[in-house]
Amino acid sequence: MHIPPHDNRNQPIVDAGHPLVPLNYFNIVRLTRGQDFSYAVPGYETCIVPATGTVQVQVGGQTHDDLGGRGVDVWDGEPEGVYVPTGQTARITCQSDTAEVFIAGAKFDQVLEPFAIRRDELDIIQYGSDDTKTHRKIKHILGTKYHDRVGRLLVSELYTVGTGGWSGFPSHKHDTDRLPEETRHDETYNFRFRPSHGSGLQMLQRVDNEPGDAYHIMNNSTVLIDKGYHPCCVLPGYEMYYFTILGGLSQRSLKQYFQPTHADQLHTIPGIMDMVAKFK
């Protein structure tokens, strides 16, 4: 499902219990200096990640100042985040002239402890190549190193390296719990392009070797991945970014199932298996 760019007025784009991706929650909050926004999502753990600007986050008796710090866009610096336990109230206060803040969530019924993720604690991996049109960098905010502190939520940012090319290839899916081959993880993306008038394509093929769907994605498009194989691409001459939310049904570790028709491509893309391992 494609949700076109729009002003969500600080209301959830993907609310709790969404019919397509019930394991996910997603909001974008826009604030000006001194403004604050409080929220709680019963039954969902969340992660606050400033897309741009600097904020203070208060949660569970903790105060985290000067979180974020990126300037004009998501290419302007490194991400930071705060993990918010299930159902707890978090307060976000803007400390810069403006701030745009992502709130990512996954369904989870236990209450853990809040913590901050600073830029020097990110797990960053680069893989692919210009020759294979798959050159990418992933910045894991809530990645593998936090398995003992997070329930079901995985949060990362994915960037193209250079302009044009494909991401999420070889095509894979994760819509069915059938270990050890695959796990059920609902997924939500929010896309950005540089320059901002760039665009791309999100494919969604439900069954191997049968026609699927394709969505024209633009700056601030949101895509919900409920089932099927889902590679995406950006037009030549543009860079692409997407904020990625994964929520697992029965476990946090993601087990991708690669599309049989294209599985041999796993051996052509440098570093692809290292990338896969970072979601475990």
C-alpha atoms as a PDB file:
ATOM      1  CA  MET A   1       0.000   0.000   0.000  1.00  0.00           C
ATOM      2  CA  HIS A   2       1.243   3.492  -0.909  1.00  0.00           C
ATOM      3  CA  ILE A   3       0.281   6.480   1.251  1.00  0.00           C
ATOM      4  CA  PRO A   4       1.052   9.618  -0.807  1.00  0.00           C
ATOM      5  CA  PRO A   5       2.885  12.583   0.724  1.00  0.00           C
ATOM      6  CA  HIS A   6       0.569  14.688   2.897  1.00  0.00           C
ATOM      7  CA  ASP A   7       0.469  16.853   6.016  1.00  0.00           C
ATOM      8  CA  ASN A   8      -0.468  14.378   8.732  1.00  0.00           C
ATOM      9  CA  ARG A   9      -0.764  17.197  11.331  1.00  0.00           C
ATOM     10  CA  ASN A  10       1.210  15.156  13.877  1.00  0.00           C
ATOM     11  CA  GLN A  11      -1.362  12.355  13.735  1.00  0.00           C
ATOM     12  CA  PRO A  12      -0.226   8.742  13.184  1.00  0.00           C
ATOM     13  CA  ILE A  13       0.262   7.741   9.561  1.00  0.00           C
ATOM     14  CA  VAL A  14       0.146   4.089  10.615  1.00  0.00           C
ATOM     15  CA  ASP A  15      -1.865   3.824  13.821  1.00  0.00           C
ATOM     16  CA  ALA A  16      -1.974   0.945  16.277  1.00  0.00           C
ATOM     17  CA  GLY A  17      -3.884  -2.024  14.893  1.00  0.00           C
ATOM     18  CA  HIS A  18      -3.585  -0.977  11.246  1.00  0.00           C
ATOM     19  CA  PRO A  19      -5.408  -3.579   9.086  1.00  0.00           C
ATOM     20  CA  LEU A  20      -2.446  -4.137   6.716  1.00  0.00           C
ATOM     21  CA  VAL A  21       0.522  -3.855   9.106  1.00  0.00           C
ATOM     22  CA  PRO A  22      -0.879  -4.390  12.625  1.00  0.00           C
ATOM     23  CA  LEU A  23       2.629  -5.008  13.992  1.00  0.00           C
ATOM     24  CA  ASN A  24       3.784  -1.465  13.050  1.00  0.00           C
ATOM     25  CA  TYR A  25       3.204   2.089  14.262  1.00  0.00           C
ATOM     26  CA  PHE A  26       4.445   5.241  12.507  1.00  0.00           C
ATOM     27  CA  ASN A  27       4.058   8.960  13.081  1.00  0.00           C
ATOM     28  CA  ILE A  28       5.848  12.077  11.832  1.00  0.00           C
ATOM     29  CA  VAL A  29       5.819  15.011  14.247  1.00  0.00           C
ATOM     30  CA  ARG A  30       6.775  18.538  13.133  1.00  0.00           C
ATOM     31  CA  LEU A  31       7.602  21.139  15.778  1.00  0.00           C
ATOM     32  CA  THR A  32       9.018  24.646  16.097  1.00  0.00           C
ATOM     33  CA  ARG A  33      11.331  25.920  18.821  1.00  0.00           C
ATOM     34  CA  GLY A  34       9.845  25.430  22.281  1.00  0.00           C
ATOM     35  CA  GLN A  35       6.871  23.374  21.096  1.00  0.00           C
ATOM     36  CA  ASP A  36       6.364  19.968  22.642  1.00  0.00           C
ATOM     37  CA  PHE A  37       4.469  16.810  21.765  1.00  0.00           C
ATOM     38  CA  SER A  38       3.535  13.996  24.146  1.00  0.00           C
ATOM     39  CA  TYR A  39       2.302  10.550  23.231  1.00  0.00           C
ATOM     40  CA  ALA A  40       1.818   7.004  24.498  1.00  0.00           C
ATOM     41  CA  VAL A  41       0.947   3.937  22.419  1.00  0.00           C
ATOM     42  CA  PRO A  42      -0.558   1.132  24.532  1.00  0.00           C
ATOM     43  CA  GLY A  43       0.681  -2.277  23.354  1.00  0.00           C
ATOM     44  CA  TYR A  44       3.530  -0.851  21.247  1.00  0.00           C
ATOM     45  CA  GLU A  45       7.180  -0.108  21.978  1.00  0.00           C
ATOM     46  CA  THR A  46       8.457   2.896  20.023  1.00  0.00           C
ATOM     47  CA  CYS A  47      11.623   4.714  18.990  1.00  0.00           C
ATOM     48  CA  ILE A  48      11.944   8.484  18.550  1.00  0.00           C
ATOM     49  CA  VAL A  49      14.327   9.502  15.729  1.00  0.00           C
ATOM     50  CA  PRO A  50      14.708  13.154  14.648  1.00  0.00           C
ATOM     51  CA  ALA A  51      14.806  13.358  10.855  1.00  0.00           C
ATOM     52  CA  THR A  52      16.012  16.960  11.149  1.00  0.00           C
ATOM     53  CA  GLY A  53      16.522  19.374  14.014  1.00  0.00           C
ATOM     54  CA  THR A  54      17.334  18.848  17.673  1.00  0.00           C
ATOM     55  CA  VAL A  55      14.950  17.748  20.424  1.00  0.00           C
ATOM     56  CA  GLN A  56      14.787  16.874  24.092  1.00  0.00           C
ATOM     57  CA  VAL A  57      13.058  13.613  25.008  1.00  0.00           C
ATOM     58  CA  GLN A  58      11.666  12.870  28.467  1.00  0.00           C
ATOM     59  CA  VAL A  59      10.542   9.315  29.229  1.00  0.00           C
ATOM     60  CA  GLY A  60      10.492   7.055  32.276  1.00  0.00           C
ATOM     61  CA  GLY A  61      12.167   9.617  34.529  1.00  0.00           C
ATOM     62  CA  GLN A  62      15.009  10.137  32.040  1.00  0.00           C
ATOM     63  CA  THR A  63      15.816  13.331  30.118  1.00  0.00           C
ATOM     64  CA  HIS A  64      17.824  13.156  26.891  1.00  0.00           C
ATOM     65  CA  ASP A  65      18.941  16.564  25.590  1.00  0.00           C
ATOM     66  CA  ASP A  66      20.273  17.618  22.206  1.00  0.00           C
ATOM     67  CA  LEU A  67      19.045  14.530  20.421  1.00  0.00           C
ATOM     68  CA  GLY A  68      19.495  14.602  16.648  1.00  0.00           C
ATOM     69  CA  GLY A  69      21.140  17.698  15.243  1.00  0.00           C
ATOM     70  CA  ARG A  70      20.764  17.121  11.523  1.00  0.00           C
ATOM     71  CA  GLY A  71      20.242  20.235   9.419  1.00  0.00           C
ATOM     72  CA  VAL A  72      18.368  20.620   6.159  1.00  0.00           C
ATOM     73  CA  ASP A  73      17.672  16.945   5.457  1.00  0.00           C
ATOM     74  CA  VAL A  74      18.442  13.340   6.412  1.00  0.00           C
ATOM     75  CA  TRP A  75      21.758  13.465   4.523  1.00  0.00           C
ATOM     76  CA  ASP A  76      22.997  16.245   6.814  1.00  0.00           C
ATOM     77  CA  GLY A  77      24.524  14.237   9.681  1.00  0.00           C
ATOM     78  CA  GLU A  78      23.946  11.012  11.570  1.00  0.00           C
ATOM     79  CA  PRO A  79      20.711   9.777  13.186  1.00  0.00           C
ATOM     80  CA  GLU A  80      20.097   9.406  16.901  1.00  0.00           C
ATOM     81  CA  GLY A  81      17.165   7.922  18.803  1.00  0.00           C
ATOM     82  CA  VAL A  82      15.452   7.145  22.086  1.00  0.00           C
ATOM     83  CA  TYR A  83      13.790   3.814  22.827  1.00  0.00           C
ATOM     84  CA  VAL A  84      10.392   4.251  24.522  1.00  0.00           C
ATOM     85  CA  PRO A  85       9.022   1.192  26.352  1.00  0.00           C
ATOM     86  CA  THR A  86       5.563  -0.186  25.599  1.00  0.00           C
ATOM     87  CA  GLY A  87       2.776   2.174  26.561  1.00  0.00           C
ATOM     88  CA  GLN A  88       4.988   4.702  28.349  1.00  0.00           C
ATOM     89  CA  THR A  89       4.427   8.435  27.847  1.00  0.00           C
ATOM     90  CA  ALA A  90       7.199  10.309  26.058  1.00  0.00           C
ATOM     91  CA  ARG A  91       7.494  14.073  25.724  1.00  0.00           C
ATOM     92  CA  ILE A  92       9.378  15.589  22.772  1.00  0.00           C
ATOM     93  CA  THR A  93      10.438  19.255  22.983  1.00  0.00           C
ATOM     94  CA  CYS A  94      11.956  21.093  20.021  1.00  0.00           C
ATOM     95  CA  GLN A  95      15.339  22.716  20.843  1.00  0.00           C
ATOM     96  CA  SER A  96      16.107  24.017  17.325  1.00  0.00           C
ATOM     97  CA  ASP A  97      14.217  26.423  15.069  1.00  0.00           C
ATOM     98  CA  THR A  98      12.293  23.489  13.624  1.00  0.00           C
ATOM     99  CA  ALA A  99      12.350  19.717  13.954  1.00  0.00           C
ATOM    100  CA  GLU A 100      10.828  16.811  12.067  1.00  0.00           C
ATOM    101  CA  VAL A 101      10.657  13.663  14.173  1.00  0.00           C
ATOM    102  CA  PHE A 102       9.954  10.059  13.204  1.00  0.00           C
ATOM    103  CA  ILE A 103       8.208   7.830  15.750  1.00  0.00           C
ATOM    104  CA  ALA A 104       8.570   4.129  14.872  1.00  0.00           C
ATOM    105  CA  GLY A 105       6.765   1.359  16.727  1.00  0.00           C
ATOM    106  CA  ALA A 106       6.225  -2.372  16.953  1.00  0.00           C
ATOM    107  CA  LYS A 107       3.587  -4.367  18.806  1.00  0.00           C
ATOM    108  CA  PHE A 108       4.994  -5.755  22.045  1.00  0.00           C
ATOM    109  CA  ASP A 109       3.331  -6.490  25.382  1.00  0.00           C
ATOM    110  CA  GLN A 110       6.254  -6.322  27.825  1.00  0.00           C
ATOM    111  CA  VAL A 111       7.604  -3.143  29.417  1.00  0.00           C
ATOM    112  CA  LEU A 112      11.378  -2.699  29.236  1.00  0.00           C
ATOM    113  CA  GLU A 113      13.646   0.260  30.109  1.00  0.00           C
ATOM    114  CA  PRO A 114      14.136   3.432  28.034  1.00  0.00           C
ATOM    115  CA  PHE A 115      17.559   4.377  26.631  1.00  0.00           C
ATOM    116  CA  ALA A 116      19.144   6.715  24.102  1.00  0.00           C
ATOM    117  CA  ILE A 117      21.106   5.755  20.982  1.00  0.00           C
ATOM    118  CA  ARG A 118      23.775   8.289  20.075  1.00  0.00           C
ATOM    119  CA  ARG A 119      25.560   8.659  16.755  1.00  0.00           C
ATOM    120  CA  ASP A 120      28.710   6.861  17.958  1.00  0.00           C
ATOM    121  CA  GLU A 121      26.586   3.813  18.864  1.00  0.00           C
ATOM    122  CA  LEU A 122      25.100   3.238  15.402  1.00  0.00           C
ATOM    123  CA  ASP A 123      25.716  -0.007  13.531  1.00  0.00           C
ATOM    124  CA  ILE A 124      26.597   0.994   9.965  1.00  0.00           C
ATOM    125  CA  ILE A 125      27.133  -1.324   7.004  1.00  0.00           C
ATOM    126  CA  GLN A 126      27.767  -0.613   3.333  1.00  0.00           C
ATOM    127  CA  TYR A 127      27.219  -3.237   0.655  1.00  0.00           C
ATOM    128  CA  GLY A 128      26.574  -3.738  -3.043  1.00  0.00           C
ATOM    129  CA  SER A 129      28.433  -2.087  -5.900  1.00  0.00           C
ATOM    130  CA  ASP A 130      28.036   0.501  -8.629  1.00  0.00           C
ATOM    131  CA  ASP A 131      28.428  -2.254 -11.241  1.00  0.00           C
ATOM    132  CA  THR A 132      25.436  -4.205  -9.884  1.00  0.00           C
ATOM    133  CA  LYS A 133      23.396  -0.982  -9.349  1.00  0.00           C
ATOM    134  CA  THR A 134      22.922  -2.024  -5.685  1.00  0.00           C
ATOM    135  CA  HIS A 135      25.357   0.235  -3.788  1.00  0.00           C
ATOM    136  CA  ARG A 136      23.779   1.028  -0.400  1.00  0.00           C
ATOM    137  CA  LYS A 137      24.548   2.125   3.162  1.00  0.00           C
ATOM    138  CA  ILE A 138      22.392   1.092   6.133  1.00  0.00           C
ATOM    139  CA  LYS A 139      22.491   2.898   9.473  1.00  0.00           C
ATOM    140  CA  HIS A 140      20.956   0.642  12.116  1.00  0.00           C
ATOM    141  CA  ILE A 141      19.523   2.674  14.998  1.00  0.00           C
ATOM    142  CA  LEU A 142      17.865  -0.218  16.808  1.00  0.00           C
ATOM    143  CA  GLY A 143      19.928  -3.060  15.392  1.00  0.00           C
ATOM    144  CA  THR A 144      21.355  -6.358  16.552  1.00  0.00           C
ATOM    145  CA  LYS A 145      23.341  -4.934  19.475  1.00  0.00           C
ATOM    146  CA  TYR A 146      20.090  -4.103  21.333  1.00  0.00           C
ATOM    147  CA  HIS A 147      18.499  -7.572  21.284  1.00  0.00           C
ATOM    148  CA  ASP A 148      18.477  -7.779  25.065  1.00  0.00           C
ATOM    149  CA  ARG A 149      16.952  -4.294  25.474  1.00  0.00           C
ATOM    150  CA  VAL A 150      14.213  -4.259  22.794  1.00  0.00           C
ATOM    151  CA  GLY A 151      11.254  -6.550  22.199  1.00  0.00           C
ATOM    152  CA  ARG A 152      10.205  -6.794  18.518  1.00  0.00           C
ATOM    153  CA  LEU A 153      11.278  -3.488  16.951  1.00  0.00           C
ATOM    154  CA  LEU A 154      14.007  -2.974  14.335  1.00  0.00           C
ATOM    155  CA  VAL A 155      14.685   0.589  13.127  1.00  0.00           C
ATOM    156  CA  SER A 156      17.165   1.649  10.455  1.00  0.00           C
ATOM    157  CA  GLU A 157      17.883   4.204   7.748  1.00  0.00           C
ATOM    158  CA  LEU A 158      18.873   3.121   4.245  1.00  0.00           C
ATOM    159  CA  TYR A 159      20.711   5.353   1.768  1.00  0.00           C
ATOM    160  CA  THR A 160      21.696   4.909  -1.841  1.00  0.00           C
ATOM    161  CA  VAL A 161      25.413   5.376  -2.437  1.00  0.00           C
ATOM    162  CA  GLY A 162      25.611   7.522  -5.541  1.00  0.00           C
ATOM    163  CA  THR A 163      22.582   8.137  -7.737  1.00  0.00           C
ATOM    164  CA  GLY A 164      20.124   5.699  -9.269  1.00  0.00           C
ATOM    165  CA  GLY A 165      19.925   1.972  -8.699  1.00  0.00           C
ATOM    166  CA  TRP A 166      18.054  -0.686  -6.743  1.00  0.00           C
ATOM    167  CA  SER A 167      17.468  -1.541  -3.110  1.00  0.00           C
ATOM    168  CA  GLY A 168      15.910  -4.578  -1.446  1.00  0.00           C
ATOM    169  CA  PHE A 169      17.347  -6.798  -4.156  1.00  0.00           C
ATOM    170  CA  PRO A 170      17.585  -9.756  -4.552  1.00  0.00           C
ATOM    171  CA  SER A 171      13.838  -9.639  -3.950  1.00  0.00           C
ATOM    172  CA  HIS A 172      12.795 -11.087  -0.606  1.00  0.00           C
ATOM    173  CA  LYS A 173       9.797 -11.367   1.651  1.00  0.00           C
ATOM    174  CA  HIS A 174       9.094 -11.863   5.371  1.00  0.00           C
ATOM    175  CA  ASP A 175       5.343 -12.347   5.713  1.00  0.00           C
ATOM    176  CA  THR A 176       5.028 -15.835   7.215  1.00  0.00           C
ATOM    177  CA  ASP A 177       6.322 -17.386  10.428  1.00  0.00           C
ATOM    178  CA  ARG A 178       7.892 -20.652   9.237  1.00  0.00           C
ATOM    179  CA  LEU A 179      11.262 -20.954  10.886  1.00  0.00           C
ATOM    180  CA  PRO A 180      13.996 -21.548   9.990  1.00  0.00           C
ATOM    181  CA  GLU A 181      13.151 -20.315   6.462  1.00  0.00           C
ATOM    182  CA  GLU A 182      11.247 -17.104   7.234  1.00  0.00           C
ATOM    183  CA  THR A 183       9.743 -14.856   9.918  1.00  0.00           C
ATOM    184  CA  ARG A 184       6.649 -12.658   9.887  1.00  0.00           C
ATOM    185  CA  HIS A 185       7.753  -9.021  10.078  1.00  0.00           C
ATOM    186  CA  ASP A 186       5.445  -6.190   9.024  1.00  0.00           C
ATOM    187  CA  GLU A 187       7.398  -3.330   7.460  1.00  0.00           C
ATOM    188  CA  THR A 188       6.826   0.388   6.913  1.00  0.00           C
ATOM    189  CA  TYR A 189       8.975   2.779   4.846  1.00  0.00           C
ATOM    190  CA  ASN A 190       9.110   6.557   4.575  1.00  0.00           C
ATOM    191  CA  PHE A 191      11.051   7.799   1.539  1.00  0.00           C
ATOM    192  CA  ARG A 192      13.110  10.914   0.892  1.00  0.00           C
ATOM    193  CA  PHE A 193      14.918  11.982  -2.291  1.00  0.00           C
ATOM    194  CA  ARG A 194      17.803  14.332  -3.033  1.00  0.00           C
ATOM    195  CA  PRO A 195      17.061  16.617  -4.827  1.00  0.00           C
ATOM    196  CA  SER A 196      13.590  16.493  -3.296  1.00  0.00           C
ATOM    197  CA  HIS A 197      11.798  16.446  -6.670  1.00  0.00           C
ATOM    198  CA  GLY A 198      13.312  13.033  -7.377  1.00  0.00           C
ATOM    199  CA  SER A 199      11.219   9.885  -7.281  1.00  0.00           C
ATOM    200  CA  GLY A 200      11.351   6.137  -7.610  1.00  0.00           C
ATOM    201  CA  LEU A 201       9.433   2.897  -7.815  1.00  0.00           C
ATOM    202  CA  GLN A 202       8.303   0.437  -5.149  1.00  0.00           C
ATOM    203  CA  MET A 203       7.491  -3.038  -6.445  1.00  0.00           C
ATOM    204  CA  LEU A 204       5.335  -5.533  -4.579  1.00  0.00           C
ATOM    205  CA  GLN A 205       5.121  -8.998  -6.131  1.00  0.00           C
ATOM    206  CA  ARG A 206       2.814 -11.292  -4.198  1.00  0.00           C
ATOM    207  CA  VAL A 207       3.742 -14.587  -5.882  1.00  0.00           C
ATOM    208  CA  ASP A 208       6.993 -15.579  -7.583  1.00  0.00           C
ATOM    209  CA  ASN A 209       6.785 -15.273 -11.389  1.00  0.00           C
ATOM    210  CA  GLU A 210       3.319 -13.707 -11.372  1.00  0.00           C
ATOM    211  CA  PRO A 211       2.580 -10.007 -12.081  1.00  0.00           C
ATOM    212  CA  GLY A 212       2.563  -7.759  -9.034  1.00  0.00           C
ATOM    213  CA  ASP A 213       1.958  -4.115  -8.163  1.00  0.00           C
ATOM    214  CA  ALA A 214       4.153  -1.034  -8.518  1.00  0.00           C
ATOM    215  CA  TYR A 215       3.872   2.352  -6.805  1.00  0.00           C
ATOM    216  CA  HIS A 216       5.337   5.670  -7.900  1.00  0.00           C
ATOM    217  CA  ILE A 217       7.047   6.916  -4.729  1.00  0.00           C
ATOM    218  CA  MET A 218       7.907  10.562  -4.122  1.00  0.00           C
ATOM    219  CA  ASN A 219       9.517  12.645  -1.381  1.00  0.00           C
ATOM    220  CA  ASN A 220       7.711  11.737   1.891  1.00  0.00           C
ATOM    221  CA  SER A 221       5.837   8.757   0.439  1.00  0.00           C
ATOM    222  CA  THR A 222       5.009   6.036   2.966  1.00  0.00           C
ATOM    223  CA  VAL A 223       4.795   2.402   1.871  1.00  0.00           C
ATOM    224  CA  LEU A 224       3.307  -0.454   3.899  1.00  0.00           C
ATOM    225  CA  ILE A 225       4.658  -3.941   3.222  1.00  0.00           C
ATOM    226  CA  ASP A 226       2.239  -6.603   4.429  1.00  0.00           C
ATOM    227  CA  LYS A 227       3.236  -9.523   2.189  1.00  0.00           C
ATOM    228  CA  GLY A 228       5.214 -10.310  -0.921  1.00  0.00           C
ATOM    229  CA  TYR A 229       8.585  -9.552  -2.517  1.00  0.00           C
ATOM    230  CA  HIS A 230       9.386  -5.834  -2.402  1.00  0.00           C
ATOM    231  CA  PRO A 231      12.436  -4.343  -4.149  1.00  0.00           C
ATOM    232  CA  CYS A 232      12.512  -0.604  -4.895  1.00  0.00           C
ATOM    233  CA  CYS A 233      14.569   1.728  -7.087  1.00  0.00           C
ATOM    234  CA  VAL A 234      15.395   5.397  -7.587  1.00  0.00           C
ATOM    235  CA  LEU A 235      15.598   7.297 -10.875  1.00  0.00           C
ATOM    236  CA  PRO A 236      19.051   7.951 -12.353  1.00  0.00           C
ATOM    237  CA  GLY A 237      20.520  11.228 -11.139  1.00  0.00           C
ATOM    238  CA  TYR A 238      18.823  11.125  -7.690  1.00  0.00           C
ATOM    239  CA  GLU A 239      19.710   9.795  -4.267  1.00  0.00           C
ATOM    240  CA  MET A 240      17.148   7.877  -2.208  1.00  0.00           C
ATOM    241  CA  TYR A 241      16.683   7.371   1.529  1.00  0.00           C
ATOM    242  CA  TYR A 242      14.110   5.441   3.437  1.00  0.00           C
ATOM    243  CA  PHE A 243      13.326   5.168   7.119  1.00  0.00           C
ATOM    244  CA  THR A 244      12.590   1.530   7.867  1.00  0.00           C
ATOM    245  CA  ILE A 245      10.374   0.064  10.599  1.00  0.00           C
ATOM    246  CA  LEU A 246      10.190  -3.701  11.132  1.00  0.00           C
ATOM    247  CA  GLY A 247       7.963  -5.346  13.733  1.00  0.00           C
ATOM    248  CA  GLY A 248       8.174  -9.084  14.321  1.00  0.00           C
ATOM    249  CA  LEU A 249       5.241 -11.313  15.196  1.00  0.00           C
ATOM    250  CA  SER A 250       7.079 -13.898  17.314  1.00  0.00           C
ATOM    251  CA  GLN A 251      10.699 -12.693  17.477  1.00  0.00           C
ATOM    252  CA  ARG A 252      12.862  -9.659  16.845  1.00  0.00           C
ATOM    253  CA  SER A 253      15.410 -11.278  14.505  1.00  0.00           C
ATOM    254  CA  LEU A 254      14.417 -10.997  10.860  1.00  0.00           C
ATOM    255  CA  LYS A 255      14.689 -14.039   8.611  1.00  0.00           C
ATOM    256  CA  GLN A 256      14.258 -13.057   4.983  1.00  0.00           C
ATOM    257  CA  TYR A 257      13.114 -15.495   2.310  1.00  0.00           C
ATOM    258  CA  PHE A 258      14.696 -14.681  -1.039  1.00  0.00           C
ATOM    259  CA  GLN A 259      12.605 -14.997  -4.176  1.00  0.00           C
ATOM    260  CA  PRO A 260      13.581 -18.294  -5.847  1.00  0.00           C
ATOM    261  CA  THR A 261      13.677 -16.794  -9.343  1.00  0.00           C
ATOM    262  CA  HIS A 262      16.355 -14.268  -8.333  1.00  0.00           C
ATOM    263  CA  ALA A 263      18.110 -16.097  -5.483  1.00  0.00           C
ATOM    264  CA  ASP A 264      21.230 -16.715  -7.596  1.00  0.00           C
ATOM    265  CA  GLN A 265      21.837 -12.939  -7.487  1.00  0.00           C
ATOM    266  CA  LEU A 266      22.900 -13.360  -3.867  1.00  0.00           C
ATOM    267  CA  HIS A 267      26.260 -14.449  -5.269  1.00  0.00           C
ATOM    268  CA  THR A 268      26.695 -11.359  -7.476  1.00  0.00           C
ATOM    269  CA  ILE A 269      26.246  -8.514  -4.941  1.00  0.00           C
ATOM    270  CA  PRO A 270      29.276  -7.785  -2.737  1.00  0.00           C
ATOM    271  CA  GLY A 271      28.561  -7.866   0.991  1.00  0.00           C
ATOM    272  CA  ILE A 272      24.908  -8.894   0.673  1.00  0.00           C
ATOM    273  CA  MET A 273      25.131 -11.679   3.262  1.00  0.00           C
ATOM    274  CA  ASP A 274      26.809  -9.345   5.763  1.00  0.00           C
ATOM    275  CA  MET A 275      23.820  -7.036   5.304  1.00  0.00           C
ATOM    276  CA  VAL A 276      21.380  -9.894   5.909  1.00  0.00           C
ATOM    277  CA  ALA A 277      23.211 -10.844   9.106  1.00  0.00           C
ATOM    278  CA  LYS A 278      22.731  -7.349  10.571  1.00  0.00           C
ATOM    279  CA  PHE A 279      18.944  -7.909  10.785  1.00  0.00           C
ATOM    280  CA  LYS A 280      19.303 -11.088  12.857  1.00  0.00           C
END
